[in-house]
């Protein structure tokens, strides 16, 4: 249970940091960089979620296939 809560806080923290960087870059007039930062943050979070889903599916596999 602790791992899932920690992962949720990590994802939320990344989202908050990316939102702040995006806002600062947009205010500076660097909208292209702001969009790239957002895309990179999305990809990082996507990889984290895929890793967590892989762990979940492995756990389900071990429970139902008795390995």
N, C-alpha and C. Protein backbone atom coordinates (compact mmCIF):
# COMPACT_ATOMS: atom_id res chain seq x y z
N UNK A 1 0.83 -1.20 0.00
CA UNK A 1 0.00 0.00 0.00
C UNK A 1 0.87 1.26 0.00
N UNK A 2 1.98 1.22 0.70
CA UNK A 2 2.86 2.38 0.80
C UNK A 2 3.43 2.76 -0.56
N UNK A 3 3.72 1.76 -1.39
CA UNK A 3 4.29 2.03 -2.71
C UNK A 3 3.32 2.79 -3.59
N UNK A 4 2.04 2.42 -3.55
CA UNK A 4 1.06 3.09 -4.39
C UNK A 4 0.86 4.54 -3.97
N UNK A 5 0.83 4.78 -2.67
CA UNK A 5 0.65 6.15 -2.17
C UNK A 5 1.87 6.99 -2.54
N UNK A 6 3.05 6.39 -2.42
CA UNK A 6 4.28 7.10 -2.77
C UNK A 6 4.28 7.44 -4.27
N UNK A 7 3.85 6.51 -5.10
CA UNK A 7 3.80 6.75 -6.54
C UNK A 7 2.79 7.86 -6.88
N UNK A 8 1.67 7.88 -6.19
CA UNK A 8 0.67 8.93 -6.43
C UNK A 8 1.25 10.30 -6.09
N UNK A 9 1.96 10.39 -4.96
CA UNK A 9 2.57 11.66 -4.58
C UNK A 9 3.67 12.07 -5.55
N UNK A 10 4.43 11.10 -6.06
CA UNK A 10 5.46 11.41 -7.04
C UNK A 10 4.84 11.97 -8.32
N UNK A 11 3.78 11.34 -8.79
CA UNK A 11 3.10 11.80 -10.01
C UNK A 11 2.51 13.19 -9.80
N UNK A 12 1.89 13.40 -8.64
CA UNK A 12 1.33 14.71 -8.35
C UNK A 12 2.42 15.77 -8.25
N UNK A 13 3.54 15.43 -7.64
CA UNK A 13 4.66 16.37 -7.53
C UNK A 13 5.22 16.74 -8.89
N UNK A 14 5.37 15.75 -9.74
CA UNK A 14 5.85 16.03 -11.10
C UNK A 14 4.87 16.93 -11.83
N UNK A 15 3.59 16.67 -11.67
CA UNK A 15 2.57 17.51 -12.32
C UNK A 15 2.62 18.95 -11.84
N UNK A 16 2.79 19.15 -10.55
CA UNK A 16 2.85 20.51 -10.00
C UNK A 16 4.09 21.24 -10.50
N UNK A 17 5.23 20.54 -10.49
CA UNK A 17 6.49 21.17 -10.95
C UNK A 17 6.41 21.51 -12.43
N UNK A 18 5.87 20.59 -13.22
CA UNK A 18 5.74 20.85 -14.66
C UNK A 18 4.79 22.02 -14.91
N UNK A 19 3.72 22.09 -14.16
CA UNK A 19 2.77 23.20 -14.33
C UNK A 19 3.43 24.54 -13.99
N UNK A 20 4.24 24.56 -12.94
CA UNK A 20 4.92 25.80 -12.58
C UNK A 20 5.94 26.20 -13.65
N UNK A 21 6.73 25.24 -14.13
CA UNK A 21 7.71 25.54 -15.17
C UNK A 21 7.01 26.01 -16.43
N UNK A 22 5.90 25.36 -16.78
CA UNK A 22 5.13 25.75 -17.97
C UNK A 22 4.64 27.19 -17.84
N UNK A 23 4.12 27.55 -16.68
CA UNK A 23 3.61 28.90 -16.46
C UNK A 23 4.72 29.94 -16.55
N UNK A 24 5.86 29.64 -15.94
CA UNK A 24 6.98 30.58 -15.97
C UNK A 24 7.48 30.78 -17.41
N UNK A 25 7.65 29.67 -18.13
CA UNK A 25 8.13 29.79 -19.51
C UNK A 25 7.13 30.52 -20.40
N UNK A 26 5.85 30.28 -20.17
CA UNK A 26 4.82 30.96 -20.97
C UNK A 26 4.82 32.47 -20.68
N UNK A 27 5.03 32.84 -19.42
CA UNK A 27 5.08 34.26 -19.07
C UNK A 27 6.31 34.93 -19.66
N UNK A 28 7.39 34.16 -19.84
CA UNK A 28 8.60 34.71 -20.44
C UNK A 28 8.50 34.79 -21.96
N UNK A 29 7.45 34.27 -22.53
CA UNK A 29 7.26 34.32 -23.96
C UNK A 29 7.85 33.14 -24.71
N UNK A 30 8.24 32.12 -23.99
CA UNK A 30 8.83 30.93 -24.62
C UNK A 30 7.80 29.81 -24.62
N UNK A 31 6.75 30.00 -25.41
CA UNK A 31 5.65 29.04 -25.42
C UNK A 31 6.06 27.69 -26.00
N UNK A 32 6.96 27.69 -26.98
CA UNK A 32 7.42 26.43 -27.55
C UNK A 32 8.13 25.58 -26.50
N UNK A 33 9.01 26.21 -25.74
CA UNK A 33 9.71 25.48 -24.67
C UNK A 33 8.72 25.00 -23.61
N UNK A 34 7.71 25.82 -23.31
CA UNK A 34 6.72 25.45 -22.31
C UNK A 34 5.96 24.20 -22.75
N UNK A 35 5.62 24.13 -24.03
CA UNK A 35 4.91 22.96 -24.53
C UNK A 35 5.80 21.73 -24.51
N UNK A 36 7.07 21.89 -24.82
CA UNK A 36 8.00 20.75 -24.79
C UNK A 36 8.19 20.24 -23.37
N UNK A 37 8.25 21.14 -22.41
CA UNK A 37 8.37 20.72 -21.01
C UNK A 37 7.14 19.93 -20.60
N UNK A 38 5.98 20.37 -21.02
CA UNK A 38 4.75 19.66 -20.71
C UNK A 38 4.74 18.27 -21.34
N UNK A 39 5.16 18.17 -22.58
CA UNK A 39 5.19 16.87 -23.27
C UNK A 39 6.18 15.93 -22.59
N UNK A 40 7.35 16.44 -22.23
CA UNK A 40 8.35 15.61 -21.56
C UNK A 40 7.84 15.15 -20.19
N UNK A 41 7.19 16.03 -19.46
CA UNK A 41 6.60 15.64 -18.18
C UNK A 41 5.53 14.58 -18.34
N UNK A 42 4.72 14.71 -19.38
CA UNK A 42 3.69 13.71 -19.66
C UNK A 42 4.31 12.35 -19.96
N UNK A 43 5.38 12.35 -20.74
CA UNK A 43 6.05 11.09 -21.10
C UNK A 43 6.65 10.44 -19.85
N UNK A 44 7.26 11.22 -18.98
CA UNK A 44 7.84 10.68 -17.75
C UNK A 44 6.75 10.04 -16.88
N UNK A 45 5.64 10.73 -16.71
CA UNK A 45 4.53 10.19 -15.92
C UNK A 45 3.94 8.96 -16.60
N UNK A 46 3.86 8.98 -17.91
CA UNK A 46 3.34 7.83 -18.64
C UNK A 46 4.21 6.59 -18.40
N UNK A 47 5.53 6.75 -18.43
CA UNK A 47 6.42 5.63 -18.14
C UNK A 47 6.25 5.12 -16.71
N UNK A 48 6.04 6.04 -15.78
CA UNK A 48 5.81 5.62 -14.39
C UNK A 48 4.54 4.81 -14.28
N UNK A 49 3.48 5.26 -14.94
CA UNK A 49 2.20 4.55 -14.88
C UNK A 49 2.32 3.19 -15.56
N UNK A 50 3.03 3.11 -16.67
CA UNK A 50 3.21 1.82 -17.35
C UNK A 50 3.96 0.85 -16.45
N UNK A 51 4.98 1.34 -15.75
CA UNK A 51 5.73 0.48 -14.83
C UNK A 51 4.83 -0.02 -13.70
N UNK A 52 3.98 0.87 -13.17
CA UNK A 52 3.06 0.46 -12.10
C UNK A 52 2.02 -0.54 -12.62
N UNK A 53 1.54 -0.33 -13.84
CA UNK A 53 0.59 -1.28 -14.42
C UNK A 53 1.24 -2.64 -14.66
N UNK A 54 2.50 -2.63 -15.05
CA UNK A 54 3.22 -3.89 -15.24
C UNK A 54 3.33 -4.64 -13.92
N UNK A 55 3.65 -3.92 -12.85
CA UNK A 55 3.71 -4.55 -11.53
C UNK A 55 2.36 -5.11 -11.12
N UNK A 56 1.30 -4.36 -11.39
CA UNK A 56 -0.05 -4.81 -11.06
C UNK A 56 -0.41 -6.07 -11.84
N UNK A 57 -0.12 -6.08 -13.13
CA UNK A 57 -0.45 -7.25 -13.94
C UNK A 57 0.37 -8.47 -13.53
N UNK A 58 1.62 -8.27 -13.15
CA UNK A 58 2.44 -9.38 -12.66
C UNK A 58 1.86 -9.94 -11.35
N UNK A 59 1.39 -9.06 -10.49
CA UNK A 59 0.78 -9.50 -9.23
C UNK A 59 -0.50 -10.28 -9.49
N UNK A 60 -1.32 -9.79 -10.41
CA UNK A 60 -2.56 -10.50 -10.77
C UNK A 60 -2.23 -11.86 -11.38
N UNK A 61 -1.20 -11.90 -12.20
CA UNK A 61 -0.79 -13.15 -12.83
C UNK A 61 -0.34 -14.17 -11.78
N UNK A 62 0.43 -13.73 -10.79
CA UNK A 62 0.88 -14.66 -9.77
C UNK A 62 -0.26 -15.14 -8.89
N UNK A 63 -1.25 -14.29 -8.66
CA UNK A 63 -2.38 -14.68 -7.81
C UNK A 63 -3.27 -15.70 -8.52
N UNK A 64 -3.63 -15.43 -9.77
CA UNK A 64 -4.60 -16.27 -10.44
C UNK A 64 -4.00 -17.46 -11.17
N UNK A 65 -2.70 -17.42 -11.48
CA UNK A 65 -2.08 -18.55 -12.15
C UNK A 65 -1.28 -19.41 -11.18
N UNK A 66 -1.23 -19.01 -9.92
CA UNK A 66 -0.58 -19.78 -8.86
C UNK A 66 0.88 -20.09 -9.17
N UNK A 67 1.62 -19.11 -9.60
CA UNK A 67 3.06 -19.29 -9.87
C UNK A 67 3.86 -18.74 -8.75
